[in-house]
Amino acid sequence: MNIKLVAVTLAFALAPVLASAQGCSMGKEQQAMTCAEGSNFDHATGTCMPVST
C-alpha cells in the first residue's frame, strides 16, 4: 500500500509541472519583419532593400 501511495503522490506532484511544460514555447516565438514604405524585405540578405521601379 505504501508504494501505491507514493506513486499517486508523485503523480499529483508532477502533474502541474508537466502541464505547464506542454504550453512552453520559450525561444520559439517569431516576429514579423516590416520594412519602411518603398522597400521590401530581402530574404537572401535579411535586410530591407529599396524597391526599384
PDB file of N, CA and C in Angstrom:
ATOM      1  N   MET A   1       0.815  -1.199   0.000  1.00  0.00           N
ATOM      2  CA  MET A   1       0.000   0.000   0.000  1.00  0.00           C
ATOM      3  C   MET A   1       0.856   1.260   0.000  1.00  0.00           C
ATOM      4  N   ASN A   2       2.009   1.222   0.622  1.00  0.00           N
ATOM      5  CA  ASN A   2       2.875   2.397   0.657  1.00  0.00           C
ATOM      6  C   ASN A   2       3.388   2.765  -0.735  1.00  0.00           C
ATOM      7  N   ILE A   3       3.651   1.765  -1.565  1.00  0.00           N
ATOM      8  CA  ILE A   3       4.147   2.035  -2.914  1.00  0.00           C
ATOM      9  C   ILE A   3       3.058   2.725  -3.729  1.00  0.00           C
ATOM     10  N   LYS A   4       1.820   2.297  -3.583  1.00  0.00           N
ATOM     11  CA  LYS A   4       0.715   2.936  -4.300  1.00  0.00           C
ATOM     12  C   LYS A   4       0.552   4.381  -3.850  1.00  0.00           C
ATOM     13  N   LEU A   5       0.677   4.622  -2.565  1.00  0.00           N
ATOM     14  CA  LEU A   5       0.546   5.966  -2.027  1.00  0.00           C
ATOM     15  C   LEU A   5       1.651   6.876  -2.563  1.00  0.00           C
ATOM     16  N   VAL A   6       2.859   6.368  -2.615  1.00  0.00           N
ATOM     17  CA  VAL A   6       3.986   7.147  -3.146  1.00  0.00           C
ATOM     18  C   VAL A   6       3.776   7.430  -4.627  1.00  0.00           C
ATOM     19  N   ALA A   7       3.305   6.453  -5.380  1.00  0.00           N
ATOM     20  CA  ALA A   7       3.075   6.632  -6.814  1.00  0.00           C
ATOM     21  C   ALA A   7       1.998   7.678  -7.074  1.00  0.00           C
ATOM     22  N   VAL A   8       0.912   7.623  -6.328  1.00  0.00           N
ATOM     23  CA  VAL A   8      -0.172   8.589  -6.505  1.00  0.00           C
ATOM     24  C   VAL A   8       0.284   9.982  -6.090  1.00  0.00           C
ATOM     25  N   THR A   9       1.015  10.083  -4.995  1.00  0.00           N
ATOM     26  CA  THR A   9       1.524  11.375  -4.526  1.00  0.00           C
ATOM     27  C   THR A   9       2.486  11.975  -5.542  1.00  0.00           C
ATOM     28  N   LEU A  10       3.346  11.152  -6.104  1.00  0.00           N
ATOM     29  CA  LEU A  10       4.289  11.628  -7.124  1.00  0.00           C
ATOM     30  C   LEU A  10       3.559  12.089  -8.381  1.00  0.00           C
ATOM     31  N   ALA A  11       2.532  11.358  -8.771  1.00  0.00           N
ATOM     32  CA  ALA A  11       1.754  11.752  -9.952  1.00  0.00           C
ATOM     33  C   ALA A  11       1.069  13.090  -9.732  1.00  0.00           C
ATOM     34  N   PHE A  12       0.482  13.286  -8.553  1.00  0.00           N
ATOM     35  CA  PHE A  12      -0.159  14.564  -8.264  1.00  0.00           C
ATOM     36  C   PHE A  12       0.859  15.699  -8.157  1.00  0.00           C
ATOM     37  N   ALA A  13       2.046  15.402  -7.674  1.00  0.00           N
ATOM     38  CA  ALA A  13       3.079  16.431  -7.540  1.00  0.00           C
ATOM     39  C   ALA A  13       3.630  16.853  -8.900  1.00  0.00           C
ATOM     40  N   LEU A  14       3.738  15.914  -9.836  1.00  0.00           N
ATOM     41  CA  LEU A  14       4.320  16.218 -11.142  1.00  0.00           C
ATOM     42  C   LEU A  14       3.306  16.703 -12.170  1.00  0.00           C
ATOM     43  N   ALA A  15       2.040  16.523 -11.931  1.00  0.00           N
ATOM     44  CA  ALA A  15       1.016  16.907 -12.912  1.00  0.00           C
ATOM     45  C   ALA A  15       1.085  18.383 -13.298  1.00  0.00           C
ATOM     46  N   PRO A  16       1.188  19.322 -12.366  1.00  0.00           N
ATOM     47  CA  PRO A  16       1.258  20.735 -12.767  1.00  0.00           C
ATOM     48  C   PRO A  16       2.525  21.070 -13.555  1.00  0.00           C
ATOM     49  N   VAL A  17       3.626  20.433 -13.204  1.00  0.00           N
ATOM     50  CA  VAL A  17       4.884  20.689 -13.912  1.00  0.00           C
ATOM     51  C   VAL A  17       4.777  20.219 -15.355  1.00  0.00           C
ATOM     52  N   LEU A  18       4.257  19.033 -15.550  1.00  0.00           N
ATOM     53  CA  LEU A  18       4.120  18.500 -16.907  1.00  0.00           C
ATOM     54  C   LEU A  18       3.102  19.294 -17.722  1.00  0.00           C
ATOM     55  N   ALA A  19       2.052  19.751 -17.088  1.00  0.00           N
ATOM     56  CA  ALA A  19       1.039  20.523 -17.798  1.00  0.00           C
ATOM     57  C   ALA A  19       1.577  21.881 -18.226  1.00  0.00           C
ATOM     58  N   SER A  20       2.373  22.522 -17.385  1.00  0.00           N
ATOM     59  CA  SER A  20       2.910  23.837 -17.748  1.00  0.00           C
ATOM     60  C   SER A  20       4.011  23.714 -18.794  1.00  0.00           C
ATOM     61  N   ALA A  21       4.755  22.639 -18.778  1.00  0.00           N
ATOM     62  CA  ALA A  21       5.821  22.451 -19.766  1.00  0.00           C
ATOM     63  C   ALA A  21       5.259  22.218 -21.152  1.00  0.00           C
ATOM     64  N   GLN A  22       4.067  21.699 -21.249  1.00  0.00           N
ATOM     65  CA  GLN A  22       3.466  21.420 -22.541  1.00  0.00           C
ATOM     66  C   GLN A  22       3.132  22.707 -23.287  1.00  0.00           C
ATOM     67  N   GLY A  23       2.836  23.779 -22.574  1.00  0.00           N
ATOM     68  CA  GLY A  23       2.491  25.038 -23.211  1.00  0.00           C
ATOM     69  C   GLY A  23       3.667  25.975 -23.374  1.00  0.00           C
ATOM     70  N   CYS A  24       4.845  25.541 -23.007  1.00  0.00           N
ATOM     71  CA  CYS A  24       6.036  26.390 -23.059  1.00  0.00           C
ATOM     72  C   CYS A  24       6.525  26.520 -24.497  1.00  0.00           C
ATOM     73  N   SER A  25       6.734  27.740 -24.936  1.00  0.00           N
ATOM     74  CA  SER A  25       7.276  27.965 -26.276  1.00  0.00           C
ATOM     75  C   SER A  25       8.463  28.920 -26.196  1.00  0.00           C
ATOM     76  N   MET A  26       9.208  28.824 -25.129  1.00  0.00           N
ATOM     77  CA  MET A  26      10.334  29.727 -24.900  1.00  0.00           C
ATOM     78  C   MET A  26      11.366  29.589 -26.014  1.00  0.00           C
ATOM     79  N   GLY A  27      11.694  30.693 -26.649  1.00  0.00           N
ATOM     80  CA  GLY A  27      12.678  30.687 -27.709  1.00  0.00           C
ATOM     81  C   GLY A  27      12.136  30.326 -29.067  1.00  0.00           C
ATOM     82  N   LYS A  28      10.854  30.087 -29.186  1.00  0.00           N
ATOM     83  CA  LYS A  28      10.272  29.681 -30.460  1.00  0.00           C
ATOM     84  C   LYS A  28       9.368  30.750 -31.051  1.00  0.00           C
ATOM     85  N   GLU A  29       9.328  31.910 -30.435  1.00  0.00           N
ATOM     86  CA  GLU A  29       8.475  32.972 -30.940  1.00  0.00           C
ATOM     87  C   GLU A  29       9.103  33.584 -32.192  1.00  0.00           C
ATOM     88  N   GLN A  30       8.258  34.024 -33.091  1.00  0.00           N
ATOM     89  CA  GLN A  30       8.732  34.675 -34.303  1.00  0.00           C
ATOM     90  C   GLN A  30       8.078  36.036 -34.400  1.00  0.00           C
ATOM     91  N   GLN A  31       8.856  37.024 -34.828  1.00  0.00           N
ATOM     92  CA  GLN A  31       8.324  38.359 -35.027  1.00  0.00           C
ATOM     93  C   GLN A  31       8.199  38.621 -36.520  1.00  0.00           C
ATOM     94  N   ALA A  32       7.218  39.424 -36.852  1.00  0.00           N
ATOM     95  CA  ALA A  32       7.038  39.791 -38.251  1.00  0.00           C
ATOM     96  C   ALA A  32       8.012  40.916 -38.594  1.00  0.00           C
ATOM     97  N   MET A  33       8.643  40.797 -39.749  1.00  0.00           N
ATOM     98  CA  MET A  33       9.571  41.827 -40.204  1.00  0.00           C
ATOM     99  C   MET A  33       8.801  42.824 -41.049  1.00  0.00           C
ATOM    100  N   THR A  34       8.897  44.085 -40.702  1.00  0.00           N
ATOM    101  CA  THR A  34       8.263  45.125 -41.500  1.00  0.00           C
ATOM    102  C   THR A  34       9.342  46.093 -41.973  1.00  0.00           C
ATOM    103  N   CYS A  35       9.192  46.540 -43.186  1.00  0.00           N
ATOM    104  CA  CYS A  35      10.135  47.484 -43.776  1.00  0.00           C
ATOM    105  C   CYS A  35       9.428  48.814 -43.997  1.00  0.00           C
ATOM    106  N   ALA A  36      10.230  49.843 -44.120  1.00  0.00           N
ATOM    107  CA  ALA A  36       9.690  51.179 -44.376  1.00  0.00           C
ATOM    108  C   ALA A  36       9.020  51.217 -45.735  1.00  0.00           C
ATOM    109  N   GLU A  37       8.160  52.195 -45.916  1.00  0.00           N
ATOM    110  CA  GLU A  37       7.464  52.336 -47.198  1.00  0.00           C
ATOM    111  C   GLU A  37       8.484  52.567 -48.301  1.00  0.00           C
ATOM    112  N   GLY A  38       8.298  51.860 -49.391  1.00  0.00           N
ATOM    113  CA  GLY A  38       9.218  51.986 -50.521  1.00  0.00           C
ATOM    114  C   GLY A  38      10.345  50.962 -50.481  1.00  0.00           C
ATOM    115  N   SER A  39      10.258  50.013 -49.556  1.00  0.00           N
ATOM    116  CA  SER A  39      11.267  48.960 -49.503  1.00  0.00           C
ATOM    117  C   SER A  39      10.605  47.631 -49.179  1.00  0.00           C
ATOM    118  N   ASN A  40      11.274  46.556 -49.568  1.00  0.00           N
ATOM    119  CA  ASN A  40      10.791  45.191 -49.335  1.00  0.00           C
ATOM    120  C   ASN A  40      11.863  44.398 -48.614  1.00  0.00           C
ATOM    121  N   PHE A  41      11.425  43.384 -47.888  1.00  0.00           N
ATOM    122  CA  PHE A  41      12.363  42.528 -47.169  1.00  0.00           C
ATOM    123  C   PHE A  41      13.009  41.552 -48.133  1.00  0.00           C
ATOM    124  N   ASP A  42      14.341  41.505 -48.124  1.00  0.00           N
ATOM    125  CA  ASP A  42      15.101  40.578 -48.955  1.00  0.00           C
ATOM    126  C   ASP A  42      15.517  39.392 -48.091  1.00  0.00           C
ATOM    127  N   HIS A  43      14.959  38.206 -48.380  1.00  0.00           N
ATOM    128  CA  HIS A  43      15.233  37.027 -47.562  1.00  0.00           C
ATOM    129  C   HIS A  43      16.685  36.572 -47.687  1.00  0.00           C
ATOM    130  N   ALA A  44      17.313  36.825 -48.814  1.00  0.00           N
ATOM    131  CA  ALA A  44      18.690  36.383 -49.019  1.00  0.00           C
ATOM    132  C   ALA A  44      19.652  37.128 -48.097  1.00  0.00           C
ATOM    133  N   THR A  45      19.453  38.426 -47.963  1.00  0.00           N
ATOM    134  CA  THR A  45      20.348  39.222 -47.122  1.00  0.00           C
ATOM    135  C   THR A  45      19.800  39.451 -45.721  1.00  0.00           C
ATOM    136  N   GLY A  46      18.491  39.283 -45.548  1.00  0.00           N
ATOM    137  CA  GLY A  46      17.880  39.503 -44.242  1.00  0.00           C
ATOM    138  C   GLY A  46      17.710  40.971 -43.911  1.00  0.00           C
ATOM    139  N   THR A  47      17.667  41.813 -44.940  1.00  0.00           N
ATOM    140  CA  THR A  47      17.537  43.263 -44.716  1.00  0.00           C
ATOM    141  C   THR A  47      16.445  43.814 -45.625  1.00  0.00           C
ATOM    142  N   CYS A  48      16.091  45.072 -45.373  1.00  0.00           N
ATOM    143  CA  CYS A  48      15.137  45.779 -46.237  1.00  0.00           C
ATOM    144  C   CYS A  48      15.905  46.434 -47.386  1.00  0.00           C
ATOM    145  N   MET A  49      15.392  46.218 -48.578  1.00  0.00           N
ATOM    146  CA  MET A  49      16.041  46.785 -49.771  1.00  0.00           C
ATOM    147  C   MET A  49      15.060  47.730 -50.443  1.00  0.00           C
ATOM    148  N   PRO A  50      15.553  48.856 -50.968  1.00  0.00           N
ATOM    149  CA  PRO A  50      14.668  49.783 -51.675  1.00  0.00           C
ATOM    150  C   PRO A  50      14.060  49.137 -52.916  1.00  0.00           C
ATOM    151  N   VAL A  51      12.799  49.475 -53.178  1.00  0.00           N
ATOM    152  CA  VAL A  51      12.106  48.942 -54.346  1.00  0.00           C
ATOM    153  C   VAL A  51      12.510  49.764 -55.557  1.00  0.00           C
ATOM    154  N   SER A  52      12.986  49.069 -56.593  1.00  0.00           N
ATOM    155  CA  SER A  52      13.335  49.771 -57.820  1.00  0.00           C
ATOM    156  C   SER A  52      12.190  49.627 -58.814  1.00  0.00           C
ATOM    157  N   THR A  53      11.752  50.748 -59.364  1.00  0.00           N
ATOM    158  CA  THR A  53      10.624  50.717 -60.302  1.00  0.00           C
ATOM    159  C   THR A  53      11.060  51.034 -61.704  1.00  0.00           C
TER     160      THR A  53
END
